[in-house]
Amino acid sequence: MEAEKETPPPIIDQLKEYAETQIKLAKYDAIDRSSKFLASFITDMVVGVAFVLTFLFLSLAIAFGLSSLFHSYWAGFGCMAGIYLIIAIIIILVKGKIQQPLINLFVKKFFNL
């Protein structure tokens, strides 16, 4: 008796298997990218909140320090408001120079996961 040779599966079966494998690979890649993006987003948000809180308490400390220096809460907190107004005006004037590097940073972060 002759040993039976295994016949290769028809090309259609091979193509179906290849397509299924590619779909699974795309799903796994999407899961990997989205989980990396979500983890990076959450981490950045926690760091952002920490910076905002630090900025808030530092601002209060400076305002109370200026209040002590001027012997008036109104003067201390008014000076801090003036400082923030000056910072806001400067940011408005250089908005164009700040905007493009930020856009580039966000795009790079999104695509270099």
PDB file of N, CA and C in Angstrom:
ATOM      1  N   MET A   1       0.813  -1.186   0.000  1.00  0.00           N
ATOM      2  CA  MET A   1       0.000   0.000   0.000  1.00  0.00           C
ATOM      3  C   MET A   1       0.859   1.253   0.000  1.00  0.00           C
ATOM      4  N   GLU A   2       0.351   2.159  -0.667  1.00  0.00           N
ATOM      5  CA  GLU A   2       1.061   3.419  -0.761  1.00  0.00           C
ATOM      6  C   GLU A   2       0.671   4.311   0.408  1.00  0.00           C
ATOM      7  N   ALA A   3       1.661   5.006   0.954  1.00  0.00           N
ATOM      8  CA  ALA A   3       1.370   5.944   2.037  1.00  0.00           C
ATOM      9  C   ALA A   3       0.583   7.117   1.454  1.00  0.00           C
ATOM     10  N   GLU A   4      -0.458   7.396   2.165  1.00  0.00           N
ATOM     11  CA  GLU A   4      -1.280   8.508   1.684  1.00  0.00           C
ATOM     12  C   GLU A   4      -0.559   9.825   1.924  1.00  0.00           C
ATOM     13  N   LYS A   5      -0.508  10.598   0.928  1.00  0.00           N
ATOM     14  CA  LYS A   5       0.096  11.926   1.050  1.00  0.00           C
ATOM     15  C   LYS A   5      -0.990  12.900   1.466  1.00  0.00           C
ATOM     16  N   GLU A   6      -0.591  13.808   2.395  1.00  0.00           N
ATOM     17  CA  GLU A   6      -1.543  14.842   2.784  1.00  0.00           C
ATOM     18  C   GLU A   6      -1.658  15.828   1.643  1.00  0.00           C
ATOM     19  N   THR A   7      -2.860  16.099   1.305  1.00  0.00           N
ATOM     20  CA  THR A   7      -3.065  17.079   0.256  1.00  0.00           C
ATOM     21  C   THR A   7      -3.169  18.452   0.897  1.00  0.00           C
ATOM     22  N   PRO A   8      -2.498  19.400   0.332  1.00  0.00           N
ATOM     23  CA  PRO A   8      -2.584  20.743   0.906  1.00  0.00           C
ATOM     24  C   PRO A   8      -4.013  21.262   0.788  1.00  0.00           C
ATOM     25  N   PRO A   9      -4.413  22.076   1.767  1.00  0.00           N
ATOM     26  CA  PRO A   9      -5.767  22.610   1.687  1.00  0.00           C
ATOM     27  C   PRO A   9      -5.927  23.485   0.448  1.00  0.00           C
ATOM     28  N   PRO A  10      -7.103  23.545  -0.054  1.00  0.00           N
ATOM     29  CA  PRO A  10      -7.306  24.377  -1.247  1.00  0.00           C
ATOM     30  C   PRO A  10      -6.953  25.835  -0.950  1.00  0.00           C
ATOM     31  N   ILE A  11      -6.663  26.539  -1.989  1.00  0.00           N
ATOM     32  CA  ILE A  11      -6.232  27.931  -1.859  1.00  0.00           C
ATOM     33  C   ILE A  11      -7.302  28.791  -1.190  1.00  0.00           C
ATOM     34  N   ILE A  12      -8.554  28.493  -1.384  1.00  0.00           N
ATOM     35  CA  ILE A  12      -9.640  29.265  -0.769  1.00  0.00           C
ATOM     36  C   ILE A  12      -9.571  29.147   0.744  1.00  0.00           C
ATOM     37  N   ASP A  13      -9.328  27.933   1.246  1.00  0.00           N
ATOM     38  CA  ASP A  13      -9.211  27.727   2.693  1.00  0.00           C
ATOM     39  C   ASP A  13      -8.017  28.488   3.250  1.00  0.00           C
ATOM     40  N   GLN A  14      -6.925  28.485   2.526  1.00  0.00           N
ATOM     41  CA  GLN A  14      -5.740  29.211   2.964  1.00  0.00           C
ATOM     42  C   GLN A  14      -6.001  30.715   2.995  1.00  0.00           C
ATOM     43  N   LEU A  15      -6.710  31.216   2.008  1.00  0.00           N
ATOM     44  CA  LEU A  15      -7.033  32.639   1.971  1.00  0.00           C
ATOM     45  C   LEU A  15      -7.965  33.028   3.116  1.00  0.00           C
ATOM     46  N   LYS A  16      -8.933  32.161   3.427  1.00  0.00           N
ATOM     47  CA  LYS A  16      -9.838  32.432   4.550  1.00  0.00           C
ATOM     48  C   LYS A  16      -9.055  32.477   5.864  1.00  0.00           C
ATOM     49  N   GLU A  17      -8.165  31.514   6.037  1.00  0.00           N
ATOM     50  CA  GLU A  17      -7.353  31.472   7.261  1.00  0.00           C
ATOM     51  C   GLU A  17      -6.457  32.713   7.362  1.00  0.00           C
ATOM     52  N   TYR A  18      -5.878  33.111   6.239  1.00  0.00           N
ATOM     53  CA  TYR A  18      -5.033  34.307   6.216  1.00  0.00           C
ATOM     54  C   TYR A  18      -5.849  35.543   6.583  1.00  0.00           C
ATOM     55  N   ALA A  19      -7.043  35.668   6.022  1.00  0.00           N
ATOM     56  CA  ALA A  19      -7.896  36.823   6.303  1.00  0.00           C
ATOM     57  C   ALA A  19      -8.288  36.851   7.787  1.00  0.00           C
ATOM     58  N   GLU A  20      -8.642  35.694   8.350  1.00  0.00           N
ATOM     59  CA  GLU A  20      -8.985  35.624   9.765  1.00  0.00           C
ATOM     60  C   GLU A  20      -7.807  36.025  10.643  1.00  0.00           C
ATOM     61  N   THR A  21      -6.628  35.585  10.272  1.00  0.00           N
ATOM     62  CA  THR A  21      -5.423  35.938  11.023  1.00  0.00           C
ATOM     63  C   THR A  21      -5.164  37.435  10.942  1.00  0.00           C
ATOM     64  N   GLN A  22      -5.335  38.024   9.773  1.00  0.00           N
ATOM     65  CA  GLN A  22      -5.130  39.461   9.619  1.00  0.00           C
ATOM     66  C   GLN A  22      -6.145  40.257  10.432  1.00  0.00           C
ATOM     67  N   ILE A  23      -7.383  39.788  10.487  1.00  0.00           N
ATOM     68  CA  ILE A  23      -8.416  40.468  11.277  1.00  0.00           C
ATOM     69  C   ILE A  23      -8.068  40.396  12.759  1.00  0.00           C
ATOM     70  N   LYS A  24      -7.638  39.227  13.226  1.00  0.00           N
ATOM     71  CA  LYS A  24      -7.233  39.088  14.636  1.00  0.00           C
ATOM     72  C   LYS A  24      -6.056  40.006  14.945  1.00  0.00           C
ATOM     73  N   LEU A  25      -5.095  40.054  14.047  1.00  0.00           N
ATOM     74  CA  LEU A  25      -3.928  40.910  14.239  1.00  0.00           C
ATOM     75  C   LEU A  25      -4.332  42.376  14.305  1.00  0.00           C
ATOM     76  N   ALA A  26      -5.245  42.788  13.447  1.00  0.00           N
ATOM     77  CA  ALA A  26      -5.717  44.186  13.462  1.00  0.00           C
ATOM     78  C   ALA A  26      -6.439  44.489  14.772  1.00  0.00           C
ATOM     79  N   LYS A  27      -7.240  43.551  15.262  1.00  0.00           N
ATOM     80  CA  LYS A  27      -7.934  43.745  16.538  1.00  0.00           C
ATOM     81  C   LYS A  27      -6.934  43.888  17.673  1.00  0.00           C
ATOM     82  N   TYR A  28      -5.943  43.012  17.712  1.00  0.00           N
ATOM     83  CA  TYR A  28      -4.941  43.074  18.778  1.00  0.00           C
ATOM     84  C   TYR A  28      -4.138  44.364  18.706  1.00  0.00           C
ATOM     85  N   ASP A  29      -3.833  44.808  17.494  1.00  0.00           N
ATOM     86  CA  ASP A  29      -3.101  46.061  17.330  1.00  0.00           C
ATOM     87  C   ASP A  29      -3.948  47.242  17.808  1.00  0.00           C
ATOM     88  N   ALA A  30      -5.241  47.226  17.471  1.00  0.00           N
ATOM     89  CA  ALA A  30      -6.139  48.302  17.914  1.00  0.00           C
ATOM     90  C   ALA A  30      -6.257  48.314  19.435  1.00  0.00           C
ATOM     91  N   ILE A  31      -6.365  47.148  20.043  1.00  0.00           N
ATOM     92  CA  ILE A  31      -6.445  47.061  21.501  1.00  0.00           C
ATOM     93  C   ILE A  31      -5.162  47.587  22.129  1.00  0.00           C
ATOM     94  N   ASP A  32      -4.020  47.200  21.565  1.00  0.00           N
ATOM     95  CA  ASP A  32      -2.728  47.645  22.089  1.00  0.00           C
ATOM     96  C   ASP A  32      -2.594  49.162  21.995  1.00  0.00           C
ATOM     97  N   ARG A  33      -2.922  49.724  20.829  1.00  0.00           N
ATOM     98  CA  ARG A  33      -2.800  51.175  20.644  1.00  0.00           C
ATOM     99  C   ARG A  33      -3.763  51.939  21.544  1.00  0.00           C
ATOM    100  N   SER A  34      -4.998  51.473  21.627  1.00  0.00           N
ATOM    101  CA  SER A  34      -5.972  52.198  22.442  1.00  0.00           C
ATOM    102  C   SER A  34      -5.644  52.099  23.922  1.00  0.00           C
ATOM    103  N   SER A  35      -5.137  50.963  24.369  1.00  0.00           N
ATOM    104  CA  SER A  35      -4.772  50.861  25.791  1.00  0.00           C
ATOM    105  C   SER A  35      -3.567  51.731  26.114  1.00  0.00           C
ATOM    106  N   LYS A  36      -2.596  51.808  25.200  1.00  0.00           N
ATOM    107  CA  LYS A  36      -1.456  52.702  25.414  1.00  0.00           C
ATOM    108  C   LYS A  36      -1.903  54.158  25.439  1.00  0.00           C
ATOM    109  N   PHE A  37      -2.809  54.524  24.529  1.00  0.00           N
ATOM    110  CA  PHE A  37      -3.302  55.893  24.479  1.00  0.00           C
ATOM    111  C   PHE A  37      -4.064  56.234  25.754  1.00  0.00           C
ATOM    112  N   LEU A  38      -4.921  55.324  26.203  1.00  0.00           N
ATOM    113  CA  LEU A  38      -5.707  55.571  27.405  1.00  0.00           C
ATOM    114  C   LEU A  38      -4.808  55.684  28.634  1.00  0.00           C
ATOM    115  N   ALA A  39      -3.823  54.799  28.750  1.00  0.00           N
ATOM    116  CA  ALA A  39      -2.900  54.867  29.883  1.00  0.00           C
ATOM    117  C   ALA A  39      -2.110  56.172  29.866  1.00  0.00           C
ATOM    118  N   SER A  40      -1.662  56.575  28.698  1.00  0.00           N
ATOM    119  CA  SER A  40      -0.924  57.835  28.578  1.00  0.00           C
ATOM    120  C   SER A  40      -1.823  59.019  28.909  1.00  0.00           C
ATOM    121  N   PHE A  41      -3.064  58.986  28.457  1.00  0.00           N
ATOM    122  CA  PHE A  41      -4.011  60.059  28.727  1.00  0.00           C
ATOM    123  C   PHE A  41      -4.292  60.177  30.222  1.00  0.00           C
ATOM    124  N   ILE A  42      -4.533  59.062  30.883  1.00  0.00           N
ATOM    125  CA  ILE A  42      -4.823  59.082  32.321  1.00  0.00           C
ATOM    126  C   ILE A  42      -3.613  59.595  33.096  1.00  0.00           C
ATOM    127  N   THR A  43      -2.436  59.131  32.739  1.00  0.00           N
ATOM    128  CA  THR A  43      -1.221  59.589  33.413  1.00  0.00           C
ATOM    129  C   THR A  43      -1.026  61.088  33.227  1.00  0.00           C
ATOM    130  N   ASP A  44      -1.218  61.559  32.001  1.00  0.00           N
ATOM    131  CA  ASP A  44      -1.073  62.993  31.735  1.00  0.00           C
ATOM    132  C   ASP A  44      -2.114  63.812  32.493  1.00  0.00           C
ATOM    133  N   MET A  45      -3.315  63.290  32.625  1.00  0.00           N
ATOM    134  CA  MET A  45      -4.361  64.004  33.368  1.00  0.00           C
ATOM    135  C   MET A  45      -4.011  64.092  34.854  1.00  0.00           C
ATOM    136  N   VAL A  46      -3.494  63.024  35.427  1.00  0.00           N
ATOM    137  CA  VAL A  46      -3.101  63.046  36.845  1.00  0.00           C
ATOM    138  C   VAL A  46      -1.982  64.066  37.059  1.00  0.00           C
ATOM    139  N   VAL A  47      -1.004  64.064  36.167  1.00  0.00           N
ATOM    140  CA  VAL A  47       0.090  65.032  36.265  1.00  0.00           C
ATOM    141  C   VAL A  47      -0.452  66.453  36.087  1.00  0.00           C
ATOM    142  N   GLY A  48      -1.373  66.639  35.157  1.00  0.00           N
ATOM    143  CA  GLY A  48      -1.968  67.956  34.943  1.00  0.00           C
ATOM    144  C   GLY A  48      -2.720  68.457  36.166  1.00  0.00           C
ATOM    145  N   VAL A  49      -3.496  67.578  36.797  1.00  0.00           N
ATOM    146  CA  VAL A  49      -4.222  67.961  38.010  1.00  0.00           C
ATOM    147  C   VAL A  49      -3.241  68.320  39.123  1.00  0.00           C
ATOM    148  N   ALA A  50      -2.164  67.551  39.242  1.00  0.00           N
ATOM    149  CA  ALA A  50      -1.157  67.854  40.269  1.00  0.00           C
ATOM    150  C   ALA A  50      -0.532  69.225  40.018  1.00  0.00           C
ATOM    151  N   PHE A  51      -0.230  69.542  38.757  1.00  0.00           N
ATOM    152  CA  PHE A  51       0.323  70.858  38.440  1.00  0.00           C
ATOM    153  C   PHE A  51      -0.669  71.973  38.731  1.00  0.00           C
ATOM    154  N   VAL A  52      -1.932  71.760  38.409  1.00  0.00           N
ATOM    155  CA  VAL A  52      -2.949  72.788  38.667  1.00  0.00           C
ATOM    156  C   VAL A  52      -3.084  73.037  40.166  1.00  0.00           C
ATOM    157  N   LEU A  53      -3.113  71.968  40.950  1.00  0.00           N
ATOM    158  CA  LEU A  53      -3.208  72.140  42.401  1.00  0.00           C
ATOM    159  C   LEU A  53      -1.977  72.839  42.965  1.00  0.00           C
ATOM    160  N   THR A  54      -0.808  72.464  42.467  1.00  0.00           N
ATOM    161  CA  THR A  54       0.420  73.130  42.900  1.00  0.00           C
ATOM    162  C   THR A  54       0.373  74.615  42.562  1.00  0.00           C
ATOM    163  N   PHE A  55      -0.056  74.924  41.344  1.00  0.00           N
ATOM    164  CA  PHE A  55      -0.166  76.310  40.907  1.00  0.00           C
ATOM    165  C   PHE A  55      -1.161  77.074  41.779  1.00  0.00           C
ATOM    166  N   LEU A  56      -2.285  76.447  42.090  1.00  0.00           N
ATOM    167  CA  LEU A  56      -3.302  77.093  42.908  1.00  0.00           C
ATOM    168  C   LEU A  56      -2.773  77.418  44.302  1.00  0.00           C
ATOM    169  N   PHE A  57      -2.169  76.440  44.963  1.00  0.00           N
ATOM    170  CA  PHE A  57      -1.692  76.668  46.319  1.00  0.00           C
ATOM    171  C   PHE A  57      -0.490  77.614  46.344  1.00  0.00           C
ATOM    172  N   LEU A  58       0.349  77.557  45.333  1.00  0.00           N
ATOM    173  CA  LEU A  58       1.465  78.496  45.241  1.00  0.00           C
ATOM    174  C   LEU A  58       0.940  79.916  45.040  1.00  0.00           C
ATOM    175  N   SER A  59      -0.086  80.049  44.225  1.00  0.00           N
ATOM    176  CA  SER A  59      -0.699  81.367  44.019  1.00  0.00           C
ATOM    177  C   SER A  59      -1.285  81.900  45.317  1.00  0.00           C
ATOM    178  N   LEU A  60      -1.965  81.049  46.062  1.00  0.00           N
ATOM    179  CA  LEU A  60      -2.518  81.480  47.346  1.00  0.00           C
ATOM    180  C   LEU A  60      -1.416  81.883  48.320  1.00  0.00           C
ATOM    181  N   ALA A  61      -0.341  81.118  48.333  1.00  0.00           N
ATOM    182  CA  ALA A  61       0.769  81.442  49.231  1.00  0.00           C
ATOM    183  C   ALA A  61       1.377  82.796  48.872  1.00  0.00           C
ATOM    184  N   ILE A  62       1.578  83.029  47.586  1.00  0.00           N
ATOM    185  CA  ILE A  62       2.131  84.314  47.157  1.00  0.00           C
ATOM    186  C   ILE A  62       1.165  85.453  47.491  1.00  0.00           C
ATOM    187  N   ALA A  63      -0.125  85.226  47.260  1.00  0.00           N
ATOM    188  CA  ALA A  63      -1.123  86.263  47.553  1.00  0.00           C
ATOM    189  C   ALA A  63      -1.149  86.588  49.041  1.00  0.00           C
ATOM    190  N   PHE A  64      -1.116  85.565  49.881  1.00  0.00           N
ATOM    191  CA  PHE A  64      -1.089  85.827  51.323  1.00  0.00           C
ATOM    192  C   PHE A  64       0.219  86.491  51.742  1.00  0.00           C
ATOM    193  N   GLY A  65       1.327  86.112  51.104  1.00  0.00           N
ATOM    194  CA  GLY A  65       2.611  86.762  51.388  1.00  0.00           C
ATOM    195  C   GLY A  65       2.581  88.238  51.024  1.00  0.00           C
ATOM    196  N   LEU A  66       2.030  88.545  49.843  1.00  0.00           N
ATOM    197  CA  LEU A  66       1.909  89.942  49.439  1.00  0.00           C
ATOM    198  C   LEU A  66       0.938  90.690  50.356  1.00  0.00           C
ATOM    199  N   SER A  67      -0.112  90.000  50.798  1.00  0.00           N
ATOM    200  CA  SER A  67      -1.060  90.622  51.736  1.00  0.00           C
ATOM    201  C   SER A  67      -0.372  90.993  53.031  1.00  0.00           C
ATOM    202  N   SER A  68       0.496  90.112  53.487  1.00  0.00           N
ATOM    203  CA  SER A  68       1.248  90.391  54.712  1.00  0.00           C
ATOM    204  C   SER A  68       2.206  91.563  54.501  1.00  0.00           C
ATOM    205  N   LEU A  69       2.812  91.616  53.331  1.00  0.00           N
ATOM    206  CA  LEU A  69       3.750  92.688  53.014  1.00  0.00           C
ATOM    207  C   LEU A  69       3.043  94.043  52.937  1.00  0.00           C
ATOM    208  N   PHE A  70       1.864  94.052  52.312  1.00  0.00           N
ATOM    209  CA  PHE A  70       1.111  95.308  52.146  1.00  0.00           C
ATOM    210  C   PHE A  70       0.139  95.582  53.300  1.00  0.00           C
ATOM    211  N   HIS A  71       0.029  94.663  54.232  1.00  0.00           N
ATOM    212  CA  HIS A  71      -0.899  94.767  55.363  1.00  0.00           C
ATOM    213  C   HIS A  71      -2.354  94.921  54.904  1.00  0.00           C
ATOM    214  N   SER A  72      -2.681  94.266  53.796  1.00  0.00           N
ATOM    215  CA  SER A  72      -4.038  94.334  53.263  1.00  0.00           C
ATOM    216  C   SER A  72      -4.279  93.126  52.357  1.00  0.00           C
ATOM    217  N   TYR A  73      -5.355  92.398  52.667  1.00  0.00           N
ATOM    218  CA  TYR A  73      -5.692  91.262  51.807  1.00  0.00           C
ATOM    219  C   TYR A  73      -6.054  91.730  50.403  1.00  0.00           C
ATOM    220  N   TRP A  74      -6.763  92.845  50.318  1.00  0.00           N
ATOM    221  CA  TRP A  74      -7.155  93.366  49.019  1.00  0.00           C
ATOM    222  C   TRP A  74      -5.933  93.648  48.152  1.00  0.00           C
ATOM    223  N   ALA A  75      -4.930  94.249  48.720  1.00  0.00           N
ATOM    224  CA  ALA A  75      -3.735  94.608  47.946  1.00  0.00           C
ATOM    225  C   ALA A  75      -2.973  93.362  47.503  1.00  0.00           C
ATOM    226  N   GLY A  76      -2.823  92.391  48.400  1.00  0.00           N
ATOM    227  CA  GLY A  76      -2.087  91.169  48.056  1.00  0.00           C
ATOM    228  C   GLY A  76      -2.752  90.376  46.951  1.00  0.00           C
ATOM    229  N   PHE A  77      -4.063  90.158  47.118  1.00  0.00           N
ATOM    230  CA  PHE A  77      -4.777  89.399  46.092  1.00  0.00           C
ATOM    231  C   PHE A  77      -4.969  90.220  44.822  1.00  0.00           C
ATOM    232  N   GLY A  78      -5.064  91.528  44.950  1.00  0.00           N
ATOM    233  CA  GLY A  78      -5.135  92.399  43.773  1.00  0.00           C
ATOM    234  C   GLY A  78      -3.854  92.347  42.957  1.00  0.00           C
ATOM    235  N   CYS A  79      -2.708  92.302  43.642  1.00  0.00           N
ATOM    236  CA  CYS A  79      -1.423  92.178  42.940  1.00  0.00           C
ATOM    237  C   CYS A  79      -1.343  90.855  42.178  1.00  0.00           C
ATOM    238  N   MET A  80      -1.819  89.776  42.802  1.00  0.00           N
ATOM    239  CA  MET A  80      -1.814  88.474  42.120  1.00  0.00           C
ATOM    240  C   MET A  80      -2.719  88.511  40.897  1.00  0.00           C
ATOM    241  N   ALA A  81      -3.879  89.162  41.019  1.00  0.00           N
ATOM    242  CA  ALA A  81      -4.776  89.295  39.868  1.00  0.00           C
ATOM    243  C   ALA A  81      -4.090  90.089  38.756  1.00  0.00           C
ATOM    244  N   GLY A  82      -3.375  91.133  39.126  1.00  0.00           N
ATOM    245  CA  GLY A  82      -2.639  91.922  38.137  1.00  0.00           C
ATOM    246  C   GLY A  82      -1.553  91.112  37.454  1.00  0.00           C
ATOM    247  N   ILE A  83      -0.847  90.304  38.225  1.00  0.00           N
ATOM    248  CA  ILE A  83       0.190  89.437  37.644  1.00  0.00           C
ATOM    249  C   ILE A  83      -0.431  88.474  36.640  1.00  0.00           C
ATOM    250  N   TYR A  84      -1.583  87.869  36.994  1.00  0.00           N
ATOM    251  CA  TYR A  84      -2.256  86.949  36.071  1.00  0.00           C
ATOM    252  C   TYR A  84      -2.771  87.674  34.838  1.00  0.00           C
ATOM    253  N   LEU A  85      -3.206  88.906  34.993  1.00  0.00           N
ATOM    254  CA  LEU A  85      -3.655  89.684  33.845  1.00  0.00           C
ATOM    255  C   LEU A  85      -2.492  89.946  32.891  1.00  0.00           C
ATOM    256  N   ILE A  86      -1.345  90.289  33.436  1.00  0.00           N
ATOM    257  CA  ILE A  86      -0.153  90.521  32.602  1.00  0.00           C
ATOM    258  C   ILE A  86       0.250  89.234  31.880  1.00  0.00           C
ATOM    259  N   ILE A  87       0.238  88.110  32.598  1.00  0.00           N
ATOM    260  CA  ILE A  87       0.573  86.817  31.979  1.00  0.00           C
ATOM    261  C   ILE A  87      -0.408  86.491  30.861  1.00  0.00           C
ATOM    262  N   ALA A  88      -1.710  86.732  31.085  1.00  0.00           N
ATOM    263  CA  ALA A  88      -2.726  86.455  30.067  1.00  0.00           C
ATOM    264  C   ALA A  88      -2.509  87.315  28.822  1.00  0.00           C
ATOM    265  N   ILE A  89      -2.178  88.575  29.014  1.00  0.00           N
ATOM    266  CA  ILE A  89      -1.936  89.463  27.872  1.00  0.00           C
ATOM    267  C   ILE A  89      -0.715  88.996  27.083  1.00  0.00           C
ATOM    268  N   ILE A  90       0.338  88.608  27.782  1.00  0.00           N
ATOM    269  CA  ILE A  90       1.544  88.112  27.098  1.00  0.00           C
ATOM    270  C   ILE A  90       1.223  86.859  26.300  1.00  0.00           C
ATOM    271  N   ILE A  91       0.440  85.938  26.894  1.00  0.00           N
ATOM    272  CA  ILE A  91       0.078  84.703  26.190  1.00  0.00           C
ATOM    273  C   ILE A  91      -0.765  85.014  24.961  1.00  0.00           C
ATOM    274  N   ILE A  92      -1.675  85.961  25.069  1.00  0.00           N
ATOM    275  CA  ILE A  92      -2.488  86.342  23.910  1.00  0.00           C
ATOM    276  C   ILE A  92      -1.605  86.899  22.799  1.00  0.00           C
ATOM    277  N   LEU A  93      -0.598  87.670  23.157  1.00  0.00           N
ATOM    278  CA  LEU A  93       0.276  88.286  22.148  1.00  0.00           C
ATOM    279  C   LEU A  93       1.168  87.267  21.451  1.00  0.00           C
ATOM    280  N   VAL A  94       1.572  86.205  22.147  1.00  0.00           N
ATOM    281  CA  VAL A  94       2.469  85.209  21.541  1.00  0.00           C
ATOM    282  C   VAL A  94       1.742  83.892  21.260  1.00  0.00           C
ATOM    283  N   LYS A  95       0.430  83.955  21.139  1.00  0.00           N
ATOM    284  CA  LYS A  95      -0.386  82.762  20.945  1.00  0.00           C
ATOM    285  C   LYS A  95       0.049  81.966  19.713  1.00  0.00           C
ATOM    286  N   GLY A  96       0.315  82.631  18.625  1.00  0.00           N
ATOM    287  CA  GLY A  96       0.713  81.955  17.389  1.00  0.00           C
ATOM    288  C   GLY A  96       2.005  81.173  17.532  1.00  0.00           C
ATOM    289  N   LYS A  97       2.947  81.712  18.286  1.00  0.00           N
ATOM    290  CA  LYS A  97       4.233  81.043  18.477  1.00  0.00           C
ATOM    291  C   LYS A  97       4.114  79.851  19.416  1.00  0.00           C
ATOM    292  N   ILE A  98       3.116  79.859  20.278  1.00  0.00           N
ATOM    293  CA  ILE A  98       2.927  78.768  21.237  1.00  0.00           C
ATOM    294  C   ILE A  98       2.071  77.651  20.635  1.00  0.00           C
ATOM    295  N   GLN A  99       1.108  78.028  19.795  1.00  0.00           N
ATOM    296  CA  GLN A  99       0.128  77.088  19.291  1.00  0.00           C
ATOM    297  C   GLN A  99       0.731  75.980  18.434  1.00  0.00           C
ATOM    298  N   GLN A 100       1.549  76.310  17.468  1.00  0.00           N
ATOM    299  CA  GLN A 100       2.065  75.300  16.541  1.00  0.00           C
ATOM    300  C   GLN A 100       2.941  74.253  17.227  1.00  0.00           C
ATOM    301  N   PRO A 101       3.857  74.620  18.125  1.00  0.00           N
ATOM    302  CA  PRO A 101       4.617  73.576  18.822  1.00  0.00           C
ATOM    303  C   PRO A 101       3.725  72.657  19.660  1.00  0.00           C
ATOM    304  N   LEU A 102       2.660  73.199  20.242  1.00  0.00           N
ATOM    305  CA  LEU A 102       1.736  72.352  21.004  1.00  0.00           C
ATOM    306  C   LEU A 102       0.999  71.384  20.091  1.00  0.00           C
ATOM    307  N   ILE A 103       0.567  71.860  18.931  1.00  0.00           N
ATOM    308  CA  ILE A 103      -0.101  70.972  17.968  1.00  0.00           C
ATOM    309  C   ILE A 103       0.848  69.861  17.553  1.00  0.00           C
ATOM    310  N   ASN A 104       2.089  70.211  17.249  1.00  0.00           N
ATOM    311  CA  ASN A 104       3.075  69.200  16.852  1.00  0.00           C
ATOM    312  C   ASN A 104       3.308  68.184  17.963  1.00  0.00           C
ATOM    313  N   LEU A 105       3.364  68.655  19.207  1.00  0.00           N
ATOM    314  CA  LEU A 105       3.560  67.759  20.339  1.00  0.00           C
ATOM    315  C   LEU A 105       2.404  66.766  20.470  1.00  0.00           C
ATOM    316  N   PHE A 106       1.166  67.248  20.349  1.00  0.00           N
ATOM    317  CA  PHE A 106       0.004  66.373  20.473  1.00  0.00           C
ATOM    318  C   PHE A 106      -0.057  65.349  19.341  1.00  0.00           C
ATOM    319  N   VAL A 107       0.232  65.784  18.121  1.00  0.00           N
ATOM    320  CA  VAL A 107       0.205  64.860  16.989  1.00  0.00           C
ATOM    321  C   VAL A 107       1.293  63.802  17.152  1.00  0.00           C
ATOM    322  N   LYS A 108       2.487  64.217  17.569  1.00  0.00           N
ATOM    323  CA  LYS A 108       3.579  63.265  17.765  1.00  0.00           C
ATOM    324  C   LYS A 108       3.223  62.270  18.855  1.00  0.00           C
ATOM    325  N   LYS A 109       2.637  62.747  19.938  1.00  0.00           N
ATOM    326  CA  LYS A 109       2.264  61.864  21.048  1.00  0.00           C
ATOM    327  C   LYS A 109       1.188  60.870  20.607  1.00  0.00           C
ATOM    328  N   PHE A 110       0.245  61.318  19.799  1.00  0.00           N
ATOM    329  CA  PHE A 110      -0.842  60.448  19.357  1.00  0.00           C
ATOM    330  C   PHE A 110      -0.336  59.353  18.428  1.00  0.00           C
ATOM    331  N   PHE A 111       0.571  59.679  17.511  1.00  0.00           N
ATOM    332  CA  PHE A 111       1.015  58.699  16.530  1.00  0.00           C
ATOM    333  C   PHE A 111       2.247  57.901  16.957  1.00  0.00           C
ATOM    334  N   ASN A 112       2.943  58.318  17.992  1.00  0.00           N
ATOM    335  CA  ASN A 112       4.109  57.572  18.480  1.00  0.00           C
ATOM    336  C   ASN A 112       3.793  56.784  19.727  1.00  0.00           C
ATOM    337  N   LEU A 113       2.671  56.123  19.716  1.00  0.00           N
ATOM    338  CA  LEU A 113       2.310  55.309  20.880  1.00  0.00           C
ATOM    339  C   LEU A 113       3.144  54.082  20.837  1.00  0.00           C
TER     340      LEU A 113
END
